[in-house]
Amino acid sequence: MVKGEDRIVLMVRDPYWLHAHWDIARATVERAKAALIDHWHSVKPVLRLLKFDDSGTTESSETVYREIEIHGGVRNWYIDVSDPPSRFQIIMGYTTGNNRRFYELVRSNVVTTPMPGSKDSFDDHWADIAKDAEKIYAMSGGYSDETNKGELAEVFEDRLKRTMELDVLSQFGSGAEGSLRKPRQFHFDVEAELLVFGTTHPDAHVAIGSEPVKVQVDGTFSARLPFPDRRQVLPATARSRDGVDERTVVIAVERNTKIMEPLSIDAEDL
C-alpha cells in the first residue's frame, strides 16, 4: 500500500469468523476531525459490518449487521458472524456520542462465508492465483520503495503458505530490484485469540456477552474471541429451552503485551 493511502481488507477465516485489517492515513483522520468538529470530543471509532440479503433479485439489499466499537492503536480485528453462507462488507468510520451521525473513512471488499464442513472455497481462490502471486504482489506495489509491504506480504504469505522470496529481479523491473537488494528487515508480530468452550444441555441457549453461541448436538460449544490488550469481563450464560433454568459464569481476563528491546548480533560475530 502506498503511504498516505487508506485501505481496509476483509478476509474469511472460516464459516463463522472474519478478519479485517486496515491502514488509515493521518490526513484522512484530520479531514474527519474537521468535518465533525462540533462532535469530535465524543466520537468513537467503529467498524460497521454490512450483511447483504441476496433474495434472488437483480439487486441485493444491505443491512447493518453489527457495529463494533474499537480502541485506538489497533490495525486488525476478528469478527464472529453467523448464518453461513452469507455476504459481508465492512466500513470503518466514526460515530458521534449520540450515535446519530456516522462518518465513513474507508470501505472494504465484499466476502462470502462458506458452508460449515464444505471445502475451503476461499483457499481455492488463492490456489487459482498462486502461480501469478509474485506478479500480482509486484503490480500491487509490494516491491516498491514507497510501499509498506508488511500487511500486503502477510496476506499473500498467509494464504499461499510460503514466503515471497522468488527471484523477481528480471521479471518485474527496477521497482522490485531496488527493494530486494536492501537488507531484509526482521519482522515479528504476535497476536492472541481467546478460546471459550464448555458443555451444557443440547437444547440450551448459550451466549457470551451479548453474542449467541451455537450448541452442538452433544451439548458442547466453543467460541473464538478477540483478545485485545486490555481487561475484559465476559459473562457466559446458558438458559434452558423453556426459560426456567439459567446459569451464568463470569470470566475475567487481561492481556498485557510487552515488546522487548530488539537484539541484533553483528554478522561477523557469528
C-alpha atoms as a PDB file:
ATOM      1  CA  MET A   1       0.000   0.000   0.000  1.00  0.00           C
ATOM      2  CA  VAL A   2       1.343   3.411  -0.957  1.00  0.00           C
ATOM      3  CA  LYS A   3       1.947   5.697   2.008  1.00  0.00           C
ATOM      4  CA  GLY A   4      -0.939   8.066   2.599  1.00  0.00           C
ATOM      5  CA  GLU A   5      -3.492   5.727   1.024  1.00  0.00           C
ATOM      6  CA  ASP A   6      -6.433   4.359   3.035  1.00  0.00           C
ATOM      7  CA  ARG A   7      -7.158   0.650   2.821  1.00  0.00           C
ATOM      8  CA  ILE A   8      -9.226  -1.943   4.680  1.00  0.00           C
ATOM      9  CA  VAL A   9      -9.213  -5.614   3.733  1.00  0.00           C
ATOM     10  CA  LEU A  10     -11.816  -8.127   4.890  1.00  0.00           C
ATOM     11  CA  MET A  11     -10.836 -11.821   4.843  1.00  0.00           C
ATOM     12  CA  VAL A  12     -12.753 -15.039   5.574  1.00  0.00           C
ATOM     13  CA  ARG A  13     -11.077 -17.200   8.207  1.00  0.00           C
ATOM     14  CA  ASP A  14     -13.817 -19.879   8.438  1.00  0.00           C
ATOM     15  CA  PRO A  15     -17.642 -20.049   8.203  1.00  0.00           C
ATOM     16  CA  TYR A  16     -18.075 -18.134  11.474  1.00  0.00           C
ATOM     17  CA  TRP A  17     -15.120 -15.730  11.609  1.00  0.00           C
ATOM     18  CA  LEU A  18     -13.934 -12.785   9.534  1.00  0.00           C
ATOM     19  CA  HIS A  19     -10.681 -10.862   9.905  1.00  0.00           C
ATOM     20  CA  ALA A  20     -10.301  -7.187   8.996  1.00  0.00           C
ATOM     21  CA  HIS A  21      -7.041  -5.248   8.837  1.00  0.00           C
ATOM     22  CA  TRP A  22      -6.561  -1.644   7.767  1.00  0.00           C
ATOM     23  CA  ASP A  23      -4.337   1.397   7.342  1.00  0.00           C
ATOM     24  CA  ILE A  24      -5.754   4.907   7.678  1.00  0.00           C
ATOM     25  CA  ALA A  25      -3.682   7.960   6.720  1.00  0.00           C
ATOM     26  CA  ARG A  26      -3.258  10.773   9.228  1.00  0.00           C
ATOM     27  CA  ALA A  27      -4.638  13.225   6.654  1.00  0.00           C
ATOM     28  CA  THR A  28      -7.874  11.223   6.490  1.00  0.00           C
ATOM     29  CA  VAL A  29      -8.284  11.448  10.258  1.00  0.00           C
ATOM     30  CA  GLU A  30      -7.663  15.199  10.124  1.00  0.00           C
ATOM     31  CA  ARG A  31     -10.391  15.571   7.463  1.00  0.00           C
ATOM     32  CA  ALA A  32     -12.782  13.638   9.685  1.00  0.00           C
ATOM     33  CA  LYS A  33     -11.884  15.854  12.622  1.00  0.00           C
ATOM     34  CA  ALA A  34     -12.633  18.966  10.581  1.00  0.00           C
ATOM     35  CA  ALA A  35     -15.965  17.544   9.403  1.00  0.00           C
ATOM     36  CA  LEU A  36     -17.005  16.502  12.928  1.00  0.00           C
ATOM     37  CA  ILE A  37     -15.506  19.473  14.732  1.00  0.00           C
ATOM     38  CA  ASP A  38     -18.616  20.102  16.850  1.00  0.00           C
ATOM     39  CA  HIS A  39     -18.762  16.462  17.963  1.00  0.00           C
ATOM     40  CA  TRP A  40     -15.084  15.434  17.855  1.00  0.00           C
ATOM     41  CA  HIS A  41     -14.796  15.237  21.636  1.00  0.00           C
ATOM     42  CA  SER A  42     -17.420  12.480  21.707  1.00  0.00           C
ATOM     43  CA  VAL A  43     -16.720  10.482  18.530  1.00  0.00           C
ATOM     44  CA  LYS A  44     -15.937   6.773  18.691  1.00  0.00           C
ATOM     45  CA  PRO A  45     -14.053   4.724  16.069  1.00  0.00           C
ATOM     46  CA  VAL A  46     -16.232   1.834  14.919  1.00  0.00           C
ATOM     47  CA  LEU A  47     -16.362  -0.995  12.424  1.00  0.00           C
ATOM     48  CA  ARG A  48     -19.786  -1.169  10.759  1.00  0.00           C
ATOM     49  CA  LEU A  49     -20.401  -4.662   9.386  1.00  0.00           C
ATOM     50  CA  LEU A  50     -22.870  -4.850   6.497  1.00  0.00           C
ATOM     51  CA  LYS A  51     -24.707  -8.023   5.527  1.00  0.00           C
ATOM     52  CA  PHE A  52     -26.152  -8.486   2.045  1.00  0.00           C
ATOM     53  CA  ASP A  53     -29.530 -10.112   1.571  1.00  0.00           C
ATOM     54  CA  ASP A  54     -29.444 -11.960  -1.746  1.00  0.00           C
ATOM     55  CA  SER A  55     -33.134 -12.528  -2.325  1.00  0.00           C
ATOM     56  CA  GLY A  56     -32.747 -13.713  -5.904  1.00  0.00           C
ATOM     57  CA  THR A  57     -33.458 -10.329  -7.444  1.00  0.00           C
ATOM     58  CA  THR A  58     -31.024  -8.413  -9.602  1.00  0.00           C
ATOM     59  CA  GLU A  59     -30.097  -6.209  -6.622  1.00  0.00           C
ATOM     60  CA  SER A  60     -29.210  -7.268  -3.107  1.00  0.00           C
ATOM     61  CA  SER A  61     -30.102  -5.136  -0.105  1.00  0.00           C
ATOM     62  CA  GLU A  62     -27.623  -4.374   2.636  1.00  0.00           C
ATOM     63  CA  THR A  63     -28.317  -4.051   6.349  1.00  0.00           C
ATOM     64  CA  VAL A  64     -26.129  -3.059   9.277  1.00  0.00           C
ATOM     65  CA  TYR A  65     -25.406  -6.460  10.814  1.00  0.00           C
ATOM     66  CA  ARG A  66     -23.309  -5.130  13.687  1.00  0.00           C
ATOM     67  CA  GLU A  67     -21.452  -2.033  14.831  1.00  0.00           C
ATOM     68  CA  ILE A  68     -18.262  -2.734  16.757  1.00  0.00           C
ATOM     69  CA  GLU A  69     -16.557  -0.071  18.828  1.00  0.00           C
ATOM     70  CA  ILE A  70     -12.774  -0.400  18.572  1.00  0.00           C
ATOM     71  CA  HIS A  71      -9.979   1.262  20.512  1.00  0.00           C
ATOM     72  CA  GLY A  72      -7.127   3.345  19.208  1.00  0.00           C
ATOM     73  CA  GLY A  73      -3.847   1.829  18.145  1.00  0.00           C
ATOM     74  CA  VAL A  74      -5.221  -1.395  16.663  1.00  0.00           C
ATOM     75  CA  ARG A  75      -4.963  -2.238  12.949  1.00  0.00           C
ATOM     76  CA  ASN A  76      -6.901  -5.501  12.795  1.00  0.00           C
ATOM     77  CA  TRP A  77      -9.981  -7.130  14.318  1.00  0.00           C
ATOM     78  CA  TYR A  78     -11.596 -10.562  14.359  1.00  0.00           C
ATOM     79  CA  ILE A  79     -15.376 -10.584  13.846  1.00  0.00           C
ATOM     80  CA  ASP A  80     -17.688 -13.509  14.564  1.00  0.00           C
ATOM     81  CA  VAL A  81     -20.659 -13.959  12.222  1.00  0.00           C
ATOM     82  CA  SER A  82     -23.488 -16.476  11.751  1.00  0.00           C
ATOM     83  CA  ASP A  83     -25.784 -17.965   9.103  1.00  0.00           C
ATOM     84  CA  PRO A  84     -23.207 -19.180   6.566  1.00  0.00           C
ATOM     85  CA  PRO A  85     -23.065 -18.814   3.653  1.00  0.00           C
ATOM     86  CA  SER A  86     -23.530 -15.027   3.848  1.00  0.00           C
ATOM     87  CA  ARG A  87     -22.009 -11.997   2.166  1.00  0.00           C
ATOM     88  CA  PHE A  88     -20.405  -9.227   4.222  1.00  0.00           C
ATOM     89  CA  GLN A  89     -18.637  -5.904   3.832  1.00  0.00           C
ATOM     90  CA  ILE A  90     -17.129  -3.688   6.487  1.00  0.00           C
ATOM     91  CA  ILE A  91     -16.916   0.092   6.816  1.00  0.00           C
ATOM     92  CA  MET A  92     -14.555   1.850   9.195  1.00  0.00           C
ATOM     93  CA  GLY A  93     -15.625   5.238  10.482  1.00  0.00           C
ATOM     94  CA  TYR A  94     -16.673   7.385  13.421  1.00  0.00           C
ATOM     95  CA  THR A  95     -19.977   7.716  15.257  1.00  0.00           C
ATOM     96  CA  THR A  96     -20.869  10.725  17.353  1.00  0.00           C
ATOM     97  CA  GLY A  97     -21.675  10.379  21.021  1.00  0.00           C
ATOM     98  CA  ASN A  98     -25.393  10.158  20.424  1.00  0.00           C
ATOM     99  CA  ASN A  99     -24.907   7.712  17.507  1.00  0.00           C
ATOM    100  CA  ARG A 100     -26.936   9.992  15.270  1.00  0.00           C
ATOM    101  CA  ARG A 101     -24.187  10.560  12.751  1.00  0.00           C
ATOM    102  CA  PHE A 102     -21.792   8.170  11.061  1.00  0.00           C
ATOM    103  CA  TYR A 103     -18.714   9.408   9.205  1.00  0.00           C
ATOM    104  CA  GLU A 104     -17.264   6.858   6.794  1.00  0.00           C
ATOM    105  CA  LEU A 105     -13.484   6.593   6.460  1.00  0.00           C
ATOM    106  CA  VAL A 106     -12.960   3.563   4.224  1.00  0.00           C
ATOM    107  CA  ARG A 107     -14.967   0.622   2.849  1.00  0.00           C
ATOM    108  CA  SER A 108     -13.696  -2.930   2.348  1.00  0.00           C
ATOM    109  CA  ASN A 109     -14.144  -5.610  -0.261  1.00  0.00           C
ATOM    110  CA  VAL A 110     -17.156  -7.966  -0.120  1.00  0.00           C
ATOM    111  CA  VAL A 111     -16.620 -11.541   1.102  1.00  0.00           C
ATOM    112  CA  THR A 112     -18.777 -14.666   1.303  1.00  0.00           C
ATOM    113  CA  THR A 113     -18.525 -17.166   4.148  1.00  0.00           C
ATOM    114  CA  PRO A 114     -18.566 -20.874   3.149  1.00  0.00           C
ATOM    115  CA  MET A 115     -20.910 -23.550   4.425  1.00  0.00           C
ATOM    116  CA  PRO A 116     -19.644 -25.402   7.522  1.00  0.00           C
ATOM    117  CA  GLY A 117     -17.860 -28.586   6.557  1.00  0.00           C
ATOM    118  CA  SER A 118     -17.584 -27.581   2.935  1.00  0.00           C
ATOM    119  CA  LYS A 119     -14.333 -27.469   1.006  1.00  0.00           C
ATOM    120  CA  ASP A 120     -12.338 -24.363   1.807  1.00  0.00           C
ATOM    121  CA  SER A 121     -13.599 -22.327  -1.126  1.00  0.00           C
ATOM    122  CA  PHE A 122     -11.689 -19.198  -0.180  1.00  0.00           C
ATOM    123  CA  ASP A 123      -8.439 -21.186  -0.258  1.00  0.00           C
ATOM    124  CA  ASP A 124      -9.469 -22.406  -3.726  1.00  0.00           C
ATOM    125  CA  HIS A 125      -9.457 -18.802  -4.886  1.00  0.00           C
ATOM    126  CA  TRP A 126      -5.922 -18.292  -3.616  1.00  0.00           C
ATOM    127  CA  ALA A 127      -4.823 -21.546  -5.234  1.00  0.00           C
ATOM    128  CA  ASP A 128      -6.045 -20.181  -8.553  1.00  0.00           C
ATOM    129  CA  ILE A 129      -3.769 -17.145  -8.327  1.00  0.00           C
ATOM    130  CA  ALA A 130      -0.781 -18.858  -6.691  1.00  0.00           C
ATOM    131  CA  LYS A 131       1.091 -19.242  -9.965  1.00  0.00           C
ATOM    132  CA  ASP A 132       0.865 -15.472 -10.523  1.00  0.00           C
ATOM    133  CA  ALA A 133       1.429 -14.468  -6.884  1.00  0.00           C
ATOM    134  CA  GLU A 134       4.749 -12.669  -7.388  1.00  0.00           C
ATOM    135  CA  LYS A 135       3.444 -10.754 -10.395  1.00  0.00           C
ATOM    136  CA  ILE A 136       0.301  -9.673  -8.531  1.00  0.00           C
ATOM    137  CA  TYR A 137       2.366  -8.733  -5.496  1.00  0.00           C
ATOM    138  CA  ALA A 138       4.767  -6.629  -7.569  1.00  0.00           C
ATOM    139  CA  MET A 139       1.978  -4.922  -9.551  1.00  0.00           C
ATOM    140  CA  SER A 140       0.294  -4.057  -6.225  1.00  0.00           C
ATOM    141  CA  GLY A 141       3.428  -2.168  -5.171  1.00  0.00           C
ATOM    142  CA  GLY A 142       4.780  -4.880  -2.907  1.00  0.00           C
ATOM    143  CA  TYR A 143       8.374  -4.310  -4.048  1.00  0.00           C
ATOM    144  CA  SER A 144       8.152  -0.543  -4.305  1.00  0.00           C
ATOM    145  CA  ASP A 145      10.333   1.693  -2.140  1.00  0.00           C
ATOM    146  CA  GLU A 146       7.218   3.664  -1.151  1.00  0.00           C
ATOM    147  CA  THR A 147       5.165   0.672  -0.053  1.00  0.00           C
ATOM    148  CA  ASN A 148       4.509  -0.582   3.445  1.00  0.00           C
ATOM    149  CA  LYS A 149       4.755  -4.176   2.287  1.00  0.00           C
ATOM    150  CA  GLY A 150       4.231  -5.794   5.680  1.00  0.00           C
ATOM    151  CA  GLU A 151       0.450  -6.080   5.510  1.00  0.00           C
ATOM    152  CA  LEU A 152       0.377  -6.993   1.826  1.00  0.00           C
ATOM    153  CA  ALA A 153       3.064  -9.636   2.213  1.00  0.00           C
ATOM    154  CA  GLU A 154       1.259 -11.045   5.238  1.00  0.00           C
ATOM    155  CA  VAL A 155      -1.915 -11.560   3.213  1.00  0.00           C
ATOM    156  CA  PHE A 156      -0.097 -13.422   0.447  1.00  0.00           C
ATOM    157  CA  GLU A 157       2.115 -15.473   2.727  1.00  0.00           C
ATOM    158  CA  ASP A 158      -0.775 -16.468   4.997  1.00  0.00           C
ATOM    159  CA  ARG A 159      -2.932 -17.731   2.143  1.00  0.00           C
ATOM    160  CA  LEU A 160      -0.168 -19.268  -0.001  1.00  0.00           C
ATOM    161  CA  LYS A 161       1.631 -20.871   2.976  1.00  0.00           C
ATOM    162  CA  ARG A 162       5.027 -19.712   1.720  1.00  0.00           C
ATOM    163  CA  THR A 163       7.216 -16.615   1.766  1.00  0.00           C
ATOM    164  CA  MET A 164       7.549 -14.103  -1.055  1.00  0.00           C
ATOM    165  CA  GLU A 165      11.174 -14.924  -1.875  1.00  0.00           C
ATOM    166  CA  LEU A 166      11.189 -15.902  -5.555  1.00  0.00           C
ATOM    167  CA  ASP A 167      13.584 -14.202  -7.952  1.00  0.00           C
ATOM    168  CA  VAL A 168      11.679 -11.245  -9.372  1.00  0.00           C
ATOM    169  CA  LEU A 169      14.557  -9.014 -10.429  1.00  0.00           C
ATOM    170  CA  SER A 170      14.455  -9.960 -14.095  1.00  0.00           C
ATOM    171  CA  GLN A 171      10.668 -10.207 -14.217  1.00  0.00           C
ATOM    172  CA  PHE A 172       9.321  -7.069 -12.608  1.00  0.00           C
ATOM    173  CA  GLY A 173      11.826  -4.283 -13.217  1.00  0.00           C
ATOM    174  CA  SER A 174      13.665  -1.726 -11.151  1.00  0.00           C
ATOM    175  CA  GLY A 175      10.946  -1.314  -8.537  1.00  0.00           C
ATOM    176  CA  ALA A 176      11.486  -4.869  -7.386  1.00  0.00           C
ATOM    177  CA  GLU A 177      15.244  -4.738  -7.858  1.00  0.00           C
ATOM    178  CA  GLY A 178      15.746  -1.633  -5.745  1.00  0.00           C
ATOM    179  CA  SER A 179      13.765  -3.043  -2.857  1.00  0.00           C
ATOM    180  CA  LEU A 180      15.079  -6.585  -2.866  1.00  0.00           C
ATOM    181  CA  ARG A 181      18.719  -5.512  -2.786  1.00  0.00           C
ATOM    182  CA  LYS A 182      18.192  -3.734   0.508  1.00  0.00           C
ATOM    183  CA  PRO A 183      18.977  -5.590   3.747  1.00  0.00           C
ATOM    184  CA  ARG A 184      15.915  -7.527   4.910  1.00  0.00           C
ATOM    185  CA  GLN A 185      14.128  -6.214   7.963  1.00  0.00           C
ATOM    186  CA  PHE A 186      13.481  -8.858  10.594  1.00  0.00           C
ATOM    187  CA  HIS A 187       9.740  -8.961  11.210  1.00  0.00           C
ATOM    188  CA  PHE A 188       7.964 -10.380  14.268  1.00  0.00           C
ATOM    189  CA  ASP A 189       4.314  -9.765  15.192  1.00  0.00           C
ATOM    190  CA  VAL A 190       2.420 -11.745  17.806  1.00  0.00           C
ATOM    191  CA  GLU A 191      -1.352 -11.815  18.185  1.00  0.00           C
ATOM    192  CA  ALA A 192      -3.611 -13.790  20.512  1.00  0.00           C
ATOM    193  CA  GLU A 193      -7.158 -15.116  20.485  1.00  0.00           C
ATOM    194  CA  LEU A 194      -9.326 -16.239  23.380  1.00  0.00           C
ATOM    195  CA  LEU A 195     -10.958 -19.674  23.123  1.00  0.00           C
ATOM    196  CA  VAL A 196     -14.008 -20.201  25.340  1.00  0.00           C
ATOM    197  CA  PHE A 197     -15.583 -23.665  25.424  1.00  0.00           C
ATOM    198  CA  GLY A 198     -17.785 -25.843  27.591  1.00  0.00           C
ATOM    199  CA  THR A 199     -20.787 -28.167  27.774  1.00  0.00           C
ATOM    200  CA  THR A 200     -24.472 -27.784  28.562  1.00  0.00           C
ATOM    201  CA  HIS A 201     -27.808 -29.334  27.614  1.00  0.00           C
ATOM    202  CA  PRO A 202     -28.127 -29.732  23.820  1.00  0.00           C
ATOM    203  CA  ASP A 203     -31.334 -27.654  23.797  1.00  0.00           C
ATOM    204  CA  ALA A 204     -29.908 -24.798  25.862  1.00  0.00           C
ATOM    205  CA  HIS A 205     -29.354 -21.274  24.565  1.00  0.00           C
ATOM    206  CA  VAL A 206     -25.804 -20.065  25.234  1.00  0.00           C
ATOM    207  CA  ALA A 207     -24.459 -16.529  24.956  1.00  0.00           C
ATOM    208  CA  ILE A 208     -21.087 -14.965  25.740  1.00  0.00           C
ATOM    209  CA  GLY A 209     -21.684 -11.321  26.473  1.00  0.00           C
ATOM    210  CA  SER A 210     -24.489 -10.365  24.126  1.00  0.00           C
ATOM    211  CA  GLU A 211     -23.440 -12.760  21.352  1.00  0.00           C
ATOM    212  CA  PRO A 212     -25.185 -16.136  20.903  1.00  0.00           C
ATOM    213  CA  VAL A 213     -23.023 -19.255  20.669  1.00  0.00           C
ATOM    214  CA  LYS A 214     -24.062 -22.371  18.733  1.00  0.00           C
ATOM    215  CA  VAL A 215     -24.540 -25.505  20.852  1.00  0.00           C
ATOM    216  CA  GLN A 216     -23.712 -28.810  19.162  1.00  0.00           C
ATOM    217  CA  VAL A 217     -25.950 -31.896  19.344  1.00  0.00           C
ATOM    218  CA  ASP A 218     -23.755 -33.347  22.119  1.00  0.00           C
ATOM    219  CA  GLY A 219     -24.082 -30.186  24.216  1.00  0.00           C
ATOM    220  CA  THR A 220     -20.594 -28.868  23.569  1.00  0.00           C
ATOM    221  CA  PHE A 221     -19.946 -25.302  22.460  1.00  0.00           C
ATOM    222  CA  SER A 222     -16.945 -23.129  21.679  1.00  0.00           C
ATOM    223  CA  ALA A 223     -16.214 -19.579  20.577  1.00  0.00           C
ATOM    224  CA  ARG A 224     -13.053 -17.828  19.386  1.00  0.00           C
ATOM    225  CA  LEU A 225     -12.970 -14.246  20.627  1.00  0.00           C
ATOM    226  CA  PRO A 226     -10.648 -11.301  20.025  1.00  0.00           C
ATOM    227  CA  PHE A 227      -8.112 -10.846  22.816  1.00  0.00           C
ATOM    228  CA  PRO A 228      -7.036  -7.178  22.763  1.00  0.00           C
ATOM    229  CA  ASP A 229      -4.554  -5.537  25.123  1.00  0.00           C
ATOM    230  CA  ARG A 230      -6.907  -4.702  27.994  1.00  0.00           C
ATOM    231  CA  ARG A 231      -9.004  -6.256  30.748  1.00  0.00           C
ATOM    232  CA  GLN A 232     -12.229  -7.979  29.702  1.00  0.00           C
ATOM    233  CA  VAL A 233     -15.142  -9.286  31.739  1.00  0.00           C
ATOM    234  CA  LEU A 234     -17.085 -11.900  29.769  1.00  0.00           C
ATOM    235  CA  PRO A 235     -20.335 -13.244  31.235  1.00  0.00           C
ATOM    236  CA  ALA A 236     -21.256 -16.631  29.731  1.00  0.00           C
ATOM    237  CA  THR A 237     -24.914 -17.573  30.157  1.00  0.00           C
ATOM    238  CA  ALA A 238     -26.832 -20.784  29.471  1.00  0.00           C
ATOM    239  CA  ARG A 239     -30.631 -20.763  29.536  1.00  0.00           C
ATOM    240  CA  SER A 240     -32.890 -23.809  29.274  1.00  0.00           C
ATOM    241  CA  ARG A 241     -35.166 -24.049  26.267  1.00  0.00           C
ATOM    242  CA  ASP A 242     -38.269 -23.380  28.394  1.00  0.00           C
ATOM    243  CA  GLY A 243     -36.588 -20.424  30.121  1.00  0.00           C
ATOM    244  CA  VAL A 244     -36.951 -21.901  33.615  1.00  0.00           C
ATOM    245  CA  ASP A 245     -33.270 -22.569  34.339  1.00  0.00           C
ATOM    246  CA  GLU A 246     -30.368 -20.195  33.822  1.00  0.00           C
ATOM    247  CA  ARG A 247     -26.698 -20.442  34.730  1.00  0.00           C
ATOM    248  CA  THR A 248     -24.042 -17.710  34.412  1.00  0.00           C
ATOM    249  CA  VAL A 249     -20.264 -17.965  34.610  1.00  0.00           C
ATOM    250  CA  VAL A 250     -18.216 -14.738  34.566  1.00  0.00           C
ATOM    251  CA  ILE A 251     -14.754 -14.922  33.021  1.00  0.00           C
ATOM    252  CA  ALA A 252     -12.326 -12.072  33.728  1.00  0.00           C
ATOM    253  CA  VAL A 253      -9.175 -11.994  31.604  1.00  0.00           C
ATOM    254  CA  GLU A 254      -6.472  -9.454  30.957  1.00  0.00           C
ATOM    255  CA  ARG A 255      -3.836  -9.243  28.245  1.00  0.00           C
ATOM    256  CA  ASN A 256      -0.674  -7.210  28.735  1.00  0.00           C
ATOM    257  CA  THR A 257       1.684  -7.293  25.787  1.00  0.00           C
ATOM    258  CA  LYS A 258       5.221  -6.018  26.284  1.00  0.00           C
ATOM    259  CA  ILE A 259       7.561  -5.551  23.346  1.00  0.00           C
ATOM    260  CA  MET A 260      11.147  -6.044  24.457  1.00  0.00           C
ATOM    261  CA  GLU A 261      14.137  -4.164  23.101  1.00  0.00           C
ATOM    262  CA  PRO A 262      15.337  -5.747  19.840  1.00  0.00           C
ATOM    263  CA  LEU A 263      18.597  -7.685  19.936  1.00  0.00           C
ATOM    264  CA  SER A 264      20.940  -7.625  16.960  1.00  0.00           C
ATOM    265  CA  ILE A 265      24.159  -9.586  16.589  1.00  0.00           C
ATOM    266  CA  ASP A 266      26.896  -8.481  14.215  1.00  0.00           C
ATOM    267  CA  ALA A 267      27.208 -10.974  11.379  1.00  0.00           C
ATOM    268  CA  GLU A 268      30.984 -11.014  11.890  1.00  0.00           C
ATOM    269  CA  ASP A 269      30.442 -12.453  15.387  1.00  0.00           C
ATOM    270  CA  LEU A 270      28.584 -15.490  14.069  1.00  0.00           C
END
